[in-house]
Amino acid sequence: MSVCPVCNGLAVVQKSCPQCGRMMFDAGVIQDYYDGYSAYLEQELYEDGYRCYDHEICVHLIACPSCHFDLNIAFRRLEMEELTE
């Protein structure tokens, strides 16, 4: 089993906006923004363009509260064994 470090509070996103320089925030997983049913579907459906074959990923929407610029960032999921070491 693997977990996303951002979804589970193990890591914090700290990224400056390339447009205005303000600090951006994590707005959650991208699947939450497609339609009313997307949150109930498999997360992998929304991560095809970001896939890595050697590990699982979780794609988040990172947004700027000031100029509303946003981008998607893929985070590597951690295996449970990595968390206990």
N, C-alpha and C. Protein backbone atom coordinates (compact mmCIF):
# COMPACT_ATOMS: atom_id res chain seq x y z
N MET A 1 0.84 -1.17 0.00
CA MET A 1 0.00 0.00 0.00
C MET A 1 0.89 1.24 0.00
N SER A 2 0.48 2.26 -0.75
CA SER A 2 1.25 3.49 -0.80
C SER A 2 0.37 4.68 -0.43
N VAL A 3 1.00 5.73 0.07
CA VAL A 3 0.27 6.93 0.49
C VAL A 3 0.92 8.17 -0.11
N CYS A 4 0.11 9.17 -0.38
CA CYS A 4 0.62 10.45 -0.87
C CYS A 4 1.09 11.26 0.34
N PRO A 5 2.33 11.75 0.32
CA PRO A 5 2.83 12.53 1.45
C PRO A 5 2.09 13.86 1.63
N VAL A 6 1.58 14.43 0.55
CA VAL A 6 0.87 15.71 0.65
C VAL A 6 -0.55 15.49 1.19
N CYS A 7 -1.25 14.51 0.65
CA CYS A 7 -2.62 14.21 1.11
C CYS A 7 -2.64 13.83 2.59
N ASN A 8 -1.57 13.19 3.06
CA ASN A 8 -1.53 12.70 4.43
C ASN A 8 -0.77 13.60 5.39
N GLY A 9 -0.44 14.81 4.97
CA GLY A 9 0.19 15.78 5.85
C GLY A 9 1.64 15.47 6.20
N LEU A 10 2.30 14.60 5.42
CA LEU A 10 3.70 14.27 5.68
C LEU A 10 4.65 15.25 4.99
N ALA A 11 4.12 16.02 4.04
CA ALA A 11 4.91 17.02 3.32
C ALA A 11 4.03 18.24 3.08
N VAL A 12 4.66 19.39 3.00
CA VAL A 12 3.94 20.65 2.76
C VAL A 12 4.43 21.22 1.43
N VAL A 13 3.50 21.69 0.61
CA VAL A 13 3.86 22.29 -0.67
C VAL A 13 4.26 23.74 -0.43
N GLN A 14 5.48 24.09 -0.85
CA GLN A 14 5.96 25.47 -0.77
C GLN A 14 6.50 25.85 -2.13
N LYS A 15 5.71 26.58 -2.89
CA LYS A 15 6.08 26.97 -4.25
C LYS A 15 5.67 28.41 -4.47
N SER A 16 6.59 29.19 -5.02
CA SER A 16 6.28 30.58 -5.37
C SER A 16 5.63 30.60 -6.74
N CYS A 17 4.68 31.49 -6.91
CA CYS A 17 3.98 31.63 -8.18
C CYS A 17 4.94 32.22 -9.23
N PRO A 18 5.04 31.58 -10.40
CA PRO A 18 5.92 32.12 -11.44
C PRO A 18 5.38 33.40 -12.07
N GLN A 19 4.10 33.70 -11.85
CA GLN A 19 3.50 34.91 -12.42
C GLN A 19 3.69 36.14 -11.53
N CYS A 20 3.36 35.99 -10.23
CA CYS A 20 3.38 37.16 -9.34
C CYS A 20 4.35 37.03 -8.17
N GLY A 21 4.90 35.83 -7.93
CA GLY A 21 5.87 35.63 -6.87
C GLY A 21 5.29 35.31 -5.50
N ARG A 22 3.98 35.35 -5.35
CA ARG A 22 3.35 35.01 -4.08
C ARG A 22 3.41 33.51 -3.83
N MET A 23 3.19 33.12 -2.58
CA MET A 23 3.21 31.70 -2.21
C MET A 23 1.93 31.02 -2.69
N MET A 24 2.08 29.89 -3.38
CA MET A 24 0.94 29.12 -3.87
C MET A 24 0.50 28.14 -2.79
N PHE A 25 -0.70 27.57 -2.95
CA PHE A 25 -1.20 26.60 -1.97
C PHE A 25 -1.68 25.35 -2.67
N ASP A 26 -1.72 24.25 -1.92
CA ASP A 26 -2.22 22.98 -2.43
C ASP A 26 -3.74 23.02 -2.39
N ALA A 27 -4.36 22.90 -3.56
CA ALA A 27 -5.82 22.92 -3.65
C ALA A 27 -6.42 21.52 -3.70
N GLY A 28 -5.60 20.49 -3.52
CA GLY A 28 -6.09 19.12 -3.48
C GLY A 28 -5.80 18.35 -4.75
N VAL A 29 -6.29 17.13 -4.81
CA VAL A 29 -6.04 16.26 -5.96
C VAL A 29 -6.84 16.75 -7.17
N ILE A 30 -6.26 16.59 -8.36
CA ILE A 30 -6.89 17.16 -9.56
C ILE A 30 -8.24 16.53 -9.89
N GLN A 31 -8.45 15.29 -9.48
CA GLN A 31 -9.71 14.64 -9.82
C GLN A 31 -10.91 15.34 -9.19
N ASP A 32 -10.72 16.11 -8.15
CA ASP A 32 -11.82 16.81 -7.50
C ASP A 32 -12.37 17.96 -8.34
N TYR A 33 -11.69 18.32 -9.42
CA TYR A 33 -12.05 19.49 -10.20
C TYR A 33 -12.66 19.18 -11.56
N TYR A 34 -12.87 17.93 -11.89
CA TYR A 34 -13.40 17.59 -13.22
C TYR A 34 -14.91 17.70 -13.31
N ASP A 35 -15.62 17.00 -12.47
CA ASP A 35 -17.08 17.07 -12.47
C ASP A 35 -17.60 16.54 -11.15
N GLY A 36 -18.90 16.50 -10.97
CA GLY A 36 -19.49 16.10 -9.71
C GLY A 36 -19.24 14.65 -9.30
N TYR A 37 -18.90 13.80 -10.27
CA TYR A 37 -18.70 12.38 -9.98
C TYR A 37 -17.22 11.98 -9.94
N SER A 38 -16.34 12.86 -10.34
CA SER A 38 -14.92 12.49 -10.46
C SER A 38 -14.30 12.07 -9.14
N ALA A 39 -14.75 12.62 -8.04
CA ALA A 39 -14.18 12.24 -6.74
C ALA A 39 -14.49 10.79 -6.37
N TYR A 40 -15.48 10.20 -7.03
CA TYR A 40 -15.87 8.83 -6.72
C TYR A 40 -15.23 7.80 -7.66
N LEU A 41 -14.51 8.26 -8.66
CA LEU A 41 -13.87 7.36 -9.61
C LEU A 41 -12.44 7.08 -9.18
N GLU A 42 -11.81 6.11 -9.82
CA GLU A 42 -10.43 5.76 -9.51
C GLU A 42 -9.51 6.93 -9.84
N GLN A 43 -8.63 7.26 -8.92
CA GLN A 43 -7.73 8.38 -9.08
C GLN A 43 -6.81 8.20 -10.28
N GLU A 44 -6.45 6.98 -10.62
CA GLU A 44 -5.54 6.70 -11.72
C GLU A 44 -6.07 7.20 -13.06
N LEU A 45 -7.39 7.31 -13.20
CA LEU A 45 -7.98 7.80 -14.45
C LEU A 45 -7.51 9.22 -14.78
N TYR A 46 -7.21 10.00 -13.78
CA TYR A 46 -6.85 11.40 -13.97
C TYR A 46 -5.35 11.65 -13.95
N GLU A 47 -4.57 10.59 -13.85
CA GLU A 47 -3.12 10.73 -13.73
C GLU A 47 -2.38 10.15 -14.92
N ASP A 48 -3.06 9.83 -16.02
CA ASP A 48 -2.43 9.19 -17.16
C ASP A 48 -1.27 10.00 -17.72
N GLY A 49 -1.39 11.28 -17.88
CA GLY A 49 -0.32 12.09 -18.44
C GLY A 49 0.87 12.27 -17.53
N TYR A 50 0.74 11.85 -16.29
CA TYR A 50 1.79 12.04 -15.29
C TYR A 50 2.41 10.73 -14.83
N ARG A 51 1.98 9.63 -15.39
CA ARG A 51 2.39 8.30 -14.92
C ARG A 51 3.90 8.11 -14.93
N CYS A 52 4.37 7.42 -13.91
CA CYS A 52 5.75 6.95 -13.82
C CYS A 52 5.64 5.45 -13.63
N TYR A 53 6.44 4.70 -14.34
CA TYR A 53 6.30 3.25 -14.27
C TYR A 53 7.05 2.62 -13.12
N ASP A 54 7.96 3.37 -12.49
CA ASP A 54 8.71 2.77 -11.38
C ASP A 54 8.09 3.08 -10.02
N HIS A 55 7.11 3.98 -9.95
CA HIS A 55 6.42 4.24 -8.69
C HIS A 55 5.07 4.92 -8.95
N GLU A 56 4.20 4.88 -7.96
CA GLU A 56 2.89 5.50 -8.08
C GLU A 56 2.99 6.98 -7.74
N ILE A 57 2.08 7.76 -8.31
CA ILE A 57 2.09 9.20 -8.07
C ILE A 57 0.69 9.68 -7.68
N CYS A 58 0.64 10.90 -7.15
CA CYS A 58 -0.62 11.56 -6.82
C CYS A 58 -0.49 12.99 -7.35
N VAL A 59 -1.41 13.41 -8.22
CA VAL A 59 -1.32 14.72 -8.87
C VAL A 59 -2.21 15.72 -8.14
N HIS A 60 -1.61 16.85 -7.75
CA HIS A 60 -2.32 17.90 -7.02
C HIS A 60 -2.39 19.18 -7.84
N LEU A 61 -3.46 19.93 -7.64
CA LEU A 61 -3.59 21.27 -8.22
C LEU A 61 -2.96 22.24 -7.23
N ILE A 62 -1.99 23.02 -7.70
CA ILE A 62 -1.33 24.03 -6.88
C ILE A 62 -1.77 25.38 -7.44
N ALA A 63 -2.32 26.24 -6.60
CA ALA A 63 -2.93 27.49 -7.07
C ALA A 63 -2.40 28.71 -6.33
N CYS A 64 -2.42 29.84 -7.03
CA CYS A 64 -2.02 31.12 -6.45
C CYS A 64 -3.28 31.87 -6.02
N PRO A 65 -3.39 32.25 -4.76
CA PRO A 65 -4.58 32.97 -4.31
C PRO A 65 -4.62 34.42 -4.80
N SER A 66 -3.50 34.93 -5.27
CA SER A 66 -3.42 36.32 -5.69
C SER A 66 -3.79 36.52 -7.16
N CYS A 67 -3.07 35.85 -8.07
CA CYS A 67 -3.31 36.05 -9.51
C CYS A 67 -4.08 34.90 -10.15
N HIS A 68 -4.38 33.85 -9.38
CA HIS A 68 -5.17 32.69 -9.81
C HIS A 68 -4.46 31.80 -10.83
N PHE A 69 -3.15 31.92 -10.95
CA PHE A 69 -2.37 31.01 -11.78
C PHE A 69 -2.38 29.64 -11.09
N ASP A 70 -2.48 28.57 -11.87
CA ASP A 70 -2.43 27.24 -11.26
C ASP A 70 -1.61 26.29 -12.12
N LEU A 71 -1.18 25.22 -11.49
CA LEU A 71 -0.44 24.17 -12.19
C LEU A 71 -0.65 22.87 -11.47
N ASN A 72 -0.34 21.78 -12.17
CA ASN A 72 -0.46 20.44 -11.60
C ASN A 72 0.93 19.92 -11.28
N ILE A 73 1.09 19.34 -10.10
CA ILE A 73 2.36 18.77 -9.69
C ILE A 73 2.11 17.34 -9.23
N ALA A 74 2.94 16.43 -9.73
CA ALA A 74 2.85 15.02 -9.36
C ALA A 74 3.80 14.75 -8.20
N PHE A 75 3.28 14.11 -7.16
CA PHE A 75 4.07 13.72 -5.99
C PHE A 75 4.18 12.21 -5.95
N ARG A 76 5.36 11.72 -5.64
CA ARG A 76 5.58 10.27 -5.55
C ARG A 76 4.93 9.74 -4.29
N ARG A 77 4.13 8.71 -4.46
CA ARG A 77 3.53 8.04 -3.31
C ARG A 77 4.61 7.24 -2.58
N LEU A 78 4.53 7.21 -1.26
CA LEU A 78 5.50 6.48 -0.45
C LEU A 78 4.91 5.14 -0.05
N GLU A 79 5.73 4.11 -0.12
CA GLU A 79 5.32 2.79 0.34
C GLU A 79 5.33 2.79 1.87
N MET A 80 4.49 2.00 2.47
CA MET A 80 4.39 1.95 3.92
C MET A 80 5.73 1.57 4.55
N GLU A 81 6.51 0.74 3.88
CA GLU A 81 7.82 0.36 4.40
C GLU A 81 8.75 1.56 4.51
N GLU A 82 8.63 2.52 3.58
CA GLU A 82 9.46 3.72 3.61
C GLU A 82 9.12 4.59 4.81
N LEU A 83 7.89 4.55 5.25
CA LEU A 83 7.44 5.39 6.36
C LEU A 83 7.90 4.86 7.71
N THR A 84 8.13 3.56 7.81
CA THR A 84 8.49 2.97 9.09
C THR A 84 9.99 2.89 9.31
N GLU A 85 10.77 3.22 8.28
CA GLU A 85 12.24 3.14 8.42
C GLU A 85 12.78 4.33 9.18
